[in-house]
């Protein structure tokens, strides 16, 4: 149940004070600290190591000696290569699929948080290759979609994954699933496998600046999603009148923005820990990204890598304010119904941004706010990413889709 306004305001104020106290001049983790923390997260299945075998992580970390990005990629790549070889030598398709999937997860983490070095770029290319081989085994099949897109500097393409429920009769409702800063369309596609059995399809895409996205983060990069909606509207298998969107973290920003700018083409939007306004301030940029310990490592470099015309933290502090939905004059406009998900102890996106969004616009909103949760509302144990998705997000999406069917 949403908190009353005064309660929410006090929560936001308390969170802001806690953030300021906890994040002044915190140094980045050393490589030894990263290895200890990464292994601990792998053991409990916590982000960003969910789905990785702790033994594989231990093997990879033992190969890493420095904080150099290529050293990190090489450590995880060496373990991934073993599973690629096992996949190629597999006696059957199920065994091959399992090994390709395992290799993909390792290569993906080898490029984490962003492929900002030659070794990490190769790890990302290897991850795409492993995932493509794994995806060919899926039933129902995964379609790789390439949508022509004018970047303003020349033609490029939006690459996404379209997957529809098996034996669907007629156009189906669909979720436009948007990745975050360091997740990828492959990871959100894995999450949305669960929606297929409910007769709902999904289109998974990398958010601007990440993965195979054709443009970096900028105030008008949401043009990407308008182009995707144009494309989906022409697919006869998709019910264009029953599309909703879900974005995680920075992807939550894009989900929120198109809930406003594409309000008439969306029946709903889920935003997990969406940046809205305070996140984009210079103060938060400098204090919230440098040395953030909720994030495993390199949050500031990850943002620098994905934002247009940005090479330093000073560039980031100068460019991000233009992204604020308040500065853009969007928060008071009509918008699609929304589910907002977050945690009071989030240090990556201030909970005050979620509360501001909760009070803005004209459409009904629901809020799931974990009082002991961090980014995306997650906890170390209990409310993990898969649990939040299955118990909070998916039920809301299915309810909105059912209501849209009744309204037709």
Protein backbone atom coordinates (compact mmCIF):
# COMPACT_ATOMS: atom_id res chain seq x y z
CA UNK A 1 0.00 0.00 0.00
CA UNK A 2 1.44 3.44 -0.90
CA UNK A 3 2.58 5.56 2.01
CA UNK A 4 0.62 8.75 2.78
CA UNK A 5 2.20 11.85 1.34
CA UNK A 6 3.82 13.00 4.58
CA UNK A 7 5.21 9.53 5.24
CA UNK A 8 6.67 9.34 1.77
CA UNK A 9 8.22 12.78 2.13
CA UNK A 10 9.88 11.81 5.41
CA UNK A 11 11.18 8.59 3.85
CA UNK A 12 12.64 10.56 0.96
CA UNK A 13 14.28 13.09 3.29
CA UNK A 14 15.74 10.37 5.48
CA UNK A 15 17.07 8.51 2.46
CA UNK A 16 18.69 11.66 1.11
CA UNK A 17 20.40 12.35 4.44
CA UNK A 18 21.61 8.76 4.69
CA UNK A 19 22.93 8.96 1.16
CA UNK A 20 24.91 12.16 1.79
CA UNK A 21 26.46 10.73 4.94
CA UNK A 22 27.36 7.41 3.38
CA UNK A 23 28.77 8.54 0.06
CA UNK A 24 31.13 11.42 0.67
CA UNK A 25 34.51 10.61 -0.82
CA UNK A 26 34.20 6.80 -0.64
CA UNK A 27 37.07 5.17 -2.54
CA UNK A 28 36.50 2.56 -5.23
CA UNK A 29 36.99 -1.06 -4.21
CA UNK A 30 40.43 -2.55 -4.72
CA UNK A 31 40.70 -5.69 -6.84
CA UNK A 32 40.95 -7.82 -3.71
CA UNK A 33 37.79 -6.20 -2.30
CA UNK A 34 36.02 -6.69 -5.62
CA UNK A 35 36.90 -10.38 -5.67
CA UNK A 36 35.66 -10.96 -2.12
CA UNK A 37 32.42 -9.09 -2.75
CA UNK A 38 31.84 -10.71 -6.15
CA UNK A 39 32.26 -14.19 -4.71
CA UNK A 40 29.93 -13.39 -1.82
CA UNK A 41 27.26 -12.16 -4.24
CA UNK A 42 27.69 -15.22 -6.43
CA UNK A 43 27.17 -17.49 -3.41
CA UNK A 44 23.81 -15.92 -2.63
CA UNK A 45 22.74 -15.34 -6.25
CA UNK A 46 22.80 -11.56 -5.89
CA UNK A 47 23.12 -8.99 -8.66
CA UNK A 48 25.11 -8.77 -10.88
CA UNK A 49 26.12 -12.43 -10.48
CA UNK A 50 22.67 -14.01 -10.51
CA UNK A 51 22.65 -17.18 -12.60
CA UNK A 52 26.41 -17.70 -12.39
CA UNK A 53 27.75 -20.86 -10.77
CA UNK A 54 29.79 -19.84 -7.69
CA UNK A 55 32.44 -22.41 -8.65
CA UNK A 56 32.83 -20.80 -12.08
CA UNK A 57 33.14 -17.39 -10.44
CA UNK A 58 35.79 -18.69 -8.06
CA UNK A 59 37.72 -20.15 -11.00
CA UNK A 60 37.54 -16.88 -12.95
CA UNK A 61 38.48 -14.67 -10.01
CA UNK A 62 41.53 -16.82 -9.26
CA UNK A 63 42.85 -15.89 -12.72
CA UNK A 64 42.48 -12.14 -12.14
CA UNK A 65 45.39 -10.25 -10.58
CA UNK A 66 44.74 -6.58 -11.32
CA UNK A 67 41.97 -4.06 -11.74
CA UNK A 68 42.77 -3.75 -15.44
CA UNK A 69 39.63 -4.21 -17.51
CA UNK A 70 41.22 -6.66 -19.93
CA UNK A 71 42.47 -8.77 -17.02
CA UNK A 72 38.89 -9.05 -15.78
CA UNK A 73 37.62 -10.02 -19.23
CA UNK A 74 40.37 -12.61 -19.67
CA UNK A 75 39.62 -14.27 -16.33
CA UNK A 76 35.95 -14.82 -17.07
CA UNK A 77 36.60 -15.49 -20.75
CA UNK A 78 38.90 -18.40 -19.97
CA UNK A 79 36.18 -20.13 -17.96
CA UNK A 80 33.53 -19.33 -20.57
CA UNK A 81 35.68 -20.81 -23.34
CA UNK A 82 35.59 -24.20 -21.59
CA UNK A 83 31.81 -24.25 -21.81
CA UNK A 84 31.82 -23.13 -25.45
CA UNK A 85 34.06 -26.11 -26.21
CA UNK A 86 31.76 -28.43 -24.25
CA UNK A 87 28.75 -27.05 -26.13
CA UNK A 88 30.37 -27.70 -29.48
CA UNK A 89 31.23 -31.26 -28.42
CA UNK A 90 27.84 -31.94 -26.81
CA UNK A 91 26.04 -35.19 -27.59
CA UNK A 92 22.63 -33.54 -27.87
CA UNK A 93 20.87 -30.16 -28.23
CA UNK A 94 19.85 -29.88 -24.57
CA UNK A 95 23.42 -30.34 -23.38
CA UNK A 96 24.69 -27.88 -25.98
CA UNK A 97 22.07 -25.30 -24.96
CA UNK A 98 22.99 -25.55 -21.28
CA UNK A 99 26.68 -25.03 -22.03
CA UNK A 100 26.08 -22.14 -24.44
CA UNK A 101 23.92 -20.45 -21.79
CA UNK A 102 26.60 -20.95 -19.16
CA UNK A 103 29.25 -19.53 -21.49
CA UNK A 104 27.04 -16.55 -22.30
CA UNK A 105 26.62 -15.61 -18.63
CA UNK A 106 30.39 -15.77 -18.06
CA UNK A 107 31.27 -13.76 -21.17
CA UNK A 108 28.58 -11.23 -20.22
CA UNK A 109 30.09 -10.79 -16.78
CA UNK A 110 33.53 -10.57 -18.38
CA UNK A 111 32.41 -7.38 -20.13
CA UNK A 112 30.62 -6.01 -17.05
CA UNK A 113 29.65 -3.26 -16.39
CA UNK A 114 30.31 -1.96 -19.91
CA UNK A 115 32.70 -3.10 -22.68
CA UNK A 116 35.06 -0.15 -22.29
CA UNK A 117 38.34 -1.86 -23.29
CA UNK A 118 39.46 -4.13 -26.16
CA UNK A 119 39.29 -7.22 -23.97
CA UNK A 120 35.83 -6.38 -22.66
CA UNK A 121 34.65 -5.58 -26.18
CA UNK A 122 35.76 -9.03 -27.28
CA UNK A 123 34.04 -10.54 -24.26
CA UNK A 124 30.82 -8.79 -25.25
CA UNK A 125 31.12 -10.06 -28.83
CA UNK A 126 31.67 -13.57 -27.47
CA UNK A 127 28.64 -13.18 -25.20
CA UNK A 128 26.46 -12.26 -28.17
CA UNK A 129 27.75 -15.26 -30.10
CA UNK A 130 27.15 -17.67 -27.21
CA UNK A 131 23.67 -16.28 -26.59
CA UNK A 132 22.76 -16.51 -30.28
CA UNK A 133 23.73 -20.18 -30.30
CA UNK A 134 21.73 -20.77 -27.11
CA UNK A 135 18.71 -18.83 -28.46
CA UNK A 136 18.50 -21.06 -31.54
CA UNK A 137 17.48 -23.90 -29.23
CA UNK A 138 14.52 -22.04 -27.71
CA UNK A 139 10.92 -23.12 -28.22
CA UNK A 140 9.00 -20.96 -28.94
CA UNK A 141 11.72 -19.39 -31.07
CA UNK A 142 13.46 -16.08 -30.54
CA UNK A 143 13.40 -13.69 -33.48
CA UNK A 144 16.32 -11.30 -33.94
CA UNK A 145 14.76 -8.08 -35.21
CA UNK A 146 16.69 -5.32 -36.97
CA UNK A 147 14.84 -2.03 -37.35
CA UNK A 148 16.40 0.66 -39.61
CA UNK A 149 17.03 3.80 -37.57
CA UNK A 150 18.25 7.27 -38.48
CA UNK A 151 20.62 8.39 -35.73
CA UNK A 152 20.81 11.94 -37.10
CA UNK A 153 24.37 11.18 -38.19
CA UNK A 154 23.54 8.41 -40.60
CA UNK A 155 21.52 5.23 -40.84
CA UNK A 156 21.96 2.46 -38.31
CA UNK A 157 19.65 -0.16 -36.78
CA UNK A 158 17.91 -1.11 -33.57
CA UNK A 159 18.56 -4.73 -32.69
CA UNK A 160 16.03 -6.46 -30.47
CA UNK A 161 14.61 -9.85 -29.59
CA UNK A 162 10.97 -10.61 -30.33
CA UNK A 163 9.51 -13.72 -28.75
CA UNK A 164 5.86 -14.69 -28.95
CA UNK A 165 3.90 -17.35 -27.04
CA UNK A 166 3.65 -20.78 -28.58
CA UNK A 167 0.54 -21.62 -30.59
CA UNK A 168 -0.86 -18.11 -30.20
CA UNK A 169 -4.10 -17.47 -32.06
CA UNK A 170 -4.47 -13.91 -33.21
CA UNK A 171 -2.54 -10.81 -32.13
CA UNK A 172 -1.03 -11.05 -28.64
CA UNK A 173 -0.33 -8.40 -25.99
CA UNK A 174 3.34 -7.57 -25.57
CA UNK A 175 5.87 -6.13 -23.12
CA UNK A 176 8.58 -3.79 -24.39
CA UNK A 177 11.40 -4.73 -22.00
CA UNK A 178 14.23 -2.21 -21.66
CA UNK A 179 17.62 -3.04 -20.13
CA UNK A 180 19.47 -0.82 -17.66
CA UNK A 181 22.97 0.59 -17.46
CA UNK A 182 24.76 -2.74 -17.21
CA UNK A 183 22.06 -5.31 -17.97
CA UNK A 184 21.48 -6.22 -21.60
CA UNK A 185 18.61 -7.26 -23.83
CA UNK A 186 19.80 -10.85 -23.34
CA UNK A 187 19.32 -10.64 -19.57
CA UNK A 188 15.86 -9.08 -19.79
CA UNK A 189 14.90 -11.64 -22.43
CA UNK A 190 15.76 -14.35 -19.91
CA UNK A 191 13.53 -12.66 -17.33
CA UNK A 192 10.61 -12.36 -19.73
CA UNK A 193 10.65 -16.02 -20.68
CA UNK A 194 8.17 -16.32 -17.79
CA UNK A 195 5.52 -14.21 -19.51
CA UNK A 196 5.11 -16.48 -22.53
CA UNK A 197 3.01 -19.12 -20.77
CA UNK A 198 0.46 -16.39 -20.03
CA UNK A 199 -0.14 -15.72 -23.72
CA UNK A 200 1.99 -12.55 -23.72
CA UNK A 201 5.01 -11.82 -25.90
CA UNK A 202 7.96 -9.52 -25.38
CA UNK A 203 10.39 -7.35 -27.28
CA UNK A 204 13.74 -6.99 -25.46
CA UNK A 205 16.08 -4.13 -26.34
CA UNK A 206 19.29 -2.52 -25.09
CA UNK A 207 18.77 0.94 -23.63
CA UNK A 208 20.60 3.89 -25.26
CA UNK A 209 24.36 3.77 -24.88
CA UNK A 210 24.44 0.07 -24.02
CA UNK A 211 24.85 -3.17 -25.93
CA UNK A 212 23.89 -2.82 -29.59
CA UNK A 213 21.85 0.38 -29.17
CA UNK A 214 22.41 2.75 -32.14
CA UNK A 215 22.60 5.93 -30.01
CA UNK A 216 24.04 6.98 -26.68
CA UNK A 217 22.15 8.56 -23.81
CA UNK A 218 20.84 12.01 -24.65
CA UNK A 219 17.70 14.05 -24.08
CA UNK A 220 16.12 12.75 -27.31
CA UNK A 221 17.39 9.16 -27.37
CA UNK A 222 13.86 7.94 -26.60
CA UNK A 223 13.28 8.28 -30.37
CA UNK A 224 14.55 4.69 -30.38
CA UNK A 225 11.49 3.48 -28.54
CA UNK A 226 9.09 5.42 -30.75
CA UNK A 227 10.67 3.64 -33.73
CA UNK A 228 10.21 0.29 -31.98
CA UNK A 229 6.54 1.04 -31.30
CA UNK A 230 6.13 2.00 -34.96
CA UNK A 231 7.60 -1.36 -35.94
CA UNK A 232 5.56 -3.41 -33.47
CA UNK A 233 2.41 -1.66 -34.62
CA UNK A 234 2.95 -3.18 -38.06
CA UNK A 235 3.49 -6.74 -36.89
CA UNK A 236 0.23 -8.67 -37.39
CA UNK A 237 1.12 -11.07 -34.53
CA UNK A 238 1.21 -8.17 -32.04
CA UNK A 239 -1.84 -6.46 -30.56
CA UNK A 240 -0.66 -2.86 -30.93
CA UNK A 241 -3.42 -1.69 -28.58
CA UNK A 242 -2.10 -3.80 -25.71
CA UNK A 243 1.58 -2.95 -25.33
CA UNK A 244 3.13 -2.05 -22.00
CA UNK A 245 6.74 -1.38 -21.07
CA UNK A 246 9.13 -2.28 -18.26
CA UNK A 247 12.48 -0.62 -17.63
CA UNK A 248 15.05 -1.33 -14.92
CA UNK A 249 17.23 1.42 -13.39
CA UNK A 250 18.26 3.73 -16.25
CA UNK A 251 15.87 1.68 -18.35
CA UNK A 252 13.24 2.82 -15.85
CA UNK A 253 13.95 6.38 -16.95
CA UNK A 254 13.14 5.48 -20.55
CA UNK A 255 10.04 3.53 -19.51
CA UNK A 256 8.86 6.56 -17.54
CA UNK A 257 9.61 8.99 -20.33
CA UNK A 258 7.73 7.03 -22.98
CA UNK A 259 4.87 6.47 -20.55
CA UNK A 260 4.44 10.23 -21.08
CA UNK A 261 5.57 10.83 -24.67
CA UNK A 262 3.92 7.63 -25.98
CA UNK A 263 1.02 7.64 -23.54
CA UNK A 264 -1.56 6.82 -26.22
CA UNK A 265 0.38 3.77 -27.44
CA UNK A 266 1.01 2.15 -24.04
CA UNK A 267 -1.46 0.57 -21.65
CA UNK A 268 0.99 0.74 -18.77
CA UNK A 269 4.59 1.05 -17.64
CA UNK A 270 6.71 -0.50 -14.91
CA UNK A 271 9.67 1.56 -13.72
CA UNK A 272 12.17 0.10 -11.25
CA UNK A 273 14.24 2.75 -9.45
CA UNK A 274 13.77 5.27 -12.27
CA UNK A 275 16.00 8.36 -12.38
CA UNK A 276 13.68 11.36 -12.61
CA UNK A 277 15.20 14.62 -11.38
CA UNK A 278 17.54 14.65 -8.35
CA UNK A 279 19.57 11.81 -9.87
CA UNK A 280 20.58 14.12 -12.71
CA UNK A 281 21.91 16.91 -10.48
CA UNK A 282 25.62 17.64 -10.38
CA UNK A 283 25.73 16.94 -6.64
CA UNK A 284 24.24 13.48 -6.99
CA UNK A 285 26.37 12.71 -10.03
CA UNK A 286 29.56 13.38 -8.10
CA UNK A 287 28.51 11.85 -4.77
CA UNK A 288 26.33 9.00 -5.97
CA UNK A 289 28.57 7.44 -8.60
CA UNK A 290 32.14 7.75 -7.37
CA UNK A 291 32.93 4.83 -5.08
CA UNK A 292 29.33 3.61 -4.80
CA UNK A 293 29.52 0.38 -2.75
CA UNK A 294 26.06 -0.91 -3.57
CA UNK A 295 27.37 -1.19 -7.13
CA UNK A 296 30.12 -3.81 -7.43
CA UNK A 297 32.61 -1.49 -9.14
CA UNK A 298 33.04 1.29 -11.71
CA UNK A 299 29.61 2.94 -11.60
CA UNK A 300 31.01 6.32 -12.70
CA UNK A 301 33.02 4.87 -15.63
CA UNK A 302 29.93 2.94 -16.71
CA UNK A 303 27.84 6.11 -16.90
CA UNK A 304 30.63 8.01 -18.65
CA UNK A 305 30.73 5.26 -21.30
CA UNK A 306 27.03 5.45 -22.18
CA UNK A 307 26.29 9.20 -22.18
CA UNK A 308 26.75 11.20 -25.37
CA UNK A 309 29.74 13.59 -25.52
CA UNK A 310 31.04 12.40 -22.16
CA UNK A 311 34.61 11.40 -21.31
CA UNK A 312 35.05 12.56 -17.71
CA UNK A 313 33.06 12.93 -14.51
CA UNK A 314 32.97 16.67 -15.17
CA UNK A 315 31.38 16.01 -18.57
CA UNK A 316 28.87 13.72 -16.89
CA UNK A 317 27.97 16.35 -14.28
CA UNK A 318 27.50 18.89 -17.07
CA UNK A 319 25.44 16.70 -19.42
CA UNK A 320 23.10 14.79 -17.14
CA UNK A 321 20.99 17.74 -15.89
CA UNK A 322 19.48 18.06 -19.37
CA UNK A 323 17.91 14.62 -18.89
CA UNK A 324 15.75 15.63 -15.90
CA UNK A 325 12.07 15.01 -16.59
CA UNK A 326 11.34 18.15 -14.55
CA UNK A 327 13.68 20.26 -16.69
CA UNK A 328 12.14 18.73 -19.82
CA UNK A 329 8.69 19.79 -18.60
CA UNK A 330 7.23 16.30 -18.85
CA UNK A 331 6.05 15.37 -15.36
CA UNK A 332 2.76 17.28 -15.44
CA UNK A 333 1.59 15.77 -18.71
CA UNK A 334 -0.84 12.86 -19.19
CA UNK A 335 0.83 9.48 -18.88
CA UNK A 336 0.09 5.77 -18.93
CA UNK A 337 -0.75 3.98 -15.65
CA UNK A 338 2.43 2.99 -13.83
CA UNK A 339 3.84 0.61 -11.27
CA UNK A 340 6.83 2.12 -9.45
CA UNK A 341 9.24 -0.27 -7.73
CA UNK A 342 12.14 0.71 -5.51
CA UNK A 343 13.94 0.54 -2.20
CA UNK A 344 14.32 3.14 0.54
CA UNK A 345 18.02 2.28 0.91
CA UNK A 346 18.81 2.71 -2.77
CA UNK A 347 22.12 4.58 -3.14
CA UNK A 348 22.22 4.50 -6.93
CA UNK A 349 18.97 6.37 -7.61
CA UNK A 350 17.49 8.52 -4.81
CA UNK A 351 14.15 7.24 -3.55
CA UNK A 352 13.03 10.88 -3.60
CA UNK A 353 12.92 10.62 -7.41
CA UNK A 354 10.50 7.72 -7.19
CA UNK A 355 8.35 9.65 -4.72
CA UNK A 356 8.33 12.72 -6.97
CA UNK A 357 7.13 10.56 -9.84
CA UNK A 358 4.48 8.98 -7.63
CA UNK A 359 2.95 12.43 -7.05
CA UNK A 360 3.18 13.59 -10.68
CA UNK A 361 1.08 13.25 -13.80
CA UNK A 362 -2.57 12.39 -14.21
CA UNK A 363 -2.76 8.59 -14.50
CA UNK A 364 -3.17 6.19 -11.57
CA UNK A 365 0.06 4.80 -10.12
CA UNK A 366 0.85 2.00 -7.76
CA UNK A 367 4.00 1.76 -5.68
CA UNK A 368 5.96 -1.15 -4.25
CA UNK A 369 8.59 0.36 -1.97
CA UNK A 370 10.79 -1.97 0.05
CA UNK A 371 11.72 -0.15 3.29
CA UNK A 372 14.91 -2.22 3.65
CA UNK A 373 15.58 -2.65 -0.07
CA UNK A 374 18.33 -1.13 -2.15
CA UNK A 375 18.47 -0.47 -5.88
CA UNK A 376 15.44 -1.88 -7.75
CA UNK A 377 13.98 -2.76 -4.34
CA UNK A 378 16.26 -5.78 -3.98
CA UNK A 379 17.73 -7.23 -0.81
CA UNK A 380 20.75 -9.48 -0.32
CA UNK A 381 18.35 -12.33 0.45
CA UNK A 382 14.60 -12.63 0.17
CA UNK A 383 13.50 -9.92 -2.25
CA UNK A 384 15.98 -10.71 -5.02
CA UNK A 385 15.46 -9.64 -8.64
CA UNK A 386 13.67 -12.86 -9.72
CA UNK A 387 11.38 -12.75 -6.67
CA UNK A 388 10.44 -9.09 -7.24
CA UNK A 389 9.68 -9.86 -10.87
CA UNK A 390 7.58 -12.96 -10.18
CA UNK A 391 5.68 -11.69 -7.13
CA UNK A 392 5.32 -7.96 -7.85
CA UNK A 393 5.91 -7.01 -11.47
CA UNK A 394 4.50 -9.91 -13.46
CA UNK A 395 1.17 -10.01 -11.56
CA UNK A 396 0.71 -6.26 -12.14
CA UNK A 397 1.48 -6.61 -15.84
CA UNK A 398 -0.95 -9.49 -16.25
CA UNK A 399 -3.66 -7.54 -14.44
CA UNK A 400 -3.19 -4.48 -16.67
CA UNK A 401 -3.25 -6.69 -19.76
CA UNK A 402 -6.44 -8.43 -18.58
CA UNK A 403 -8.09 -5.07 -17.90
CA UNK A 404 -7.13 -3.88 -21.39
CA UNK A 405 -8.81 -6.94 -22.88
CA UNK A 406 -11.99 -6.28 -20.92
CA UNK A 407 -12.00 -2.66 -22.07
CA UNK A 408 -11.77 -3.55 -25.76
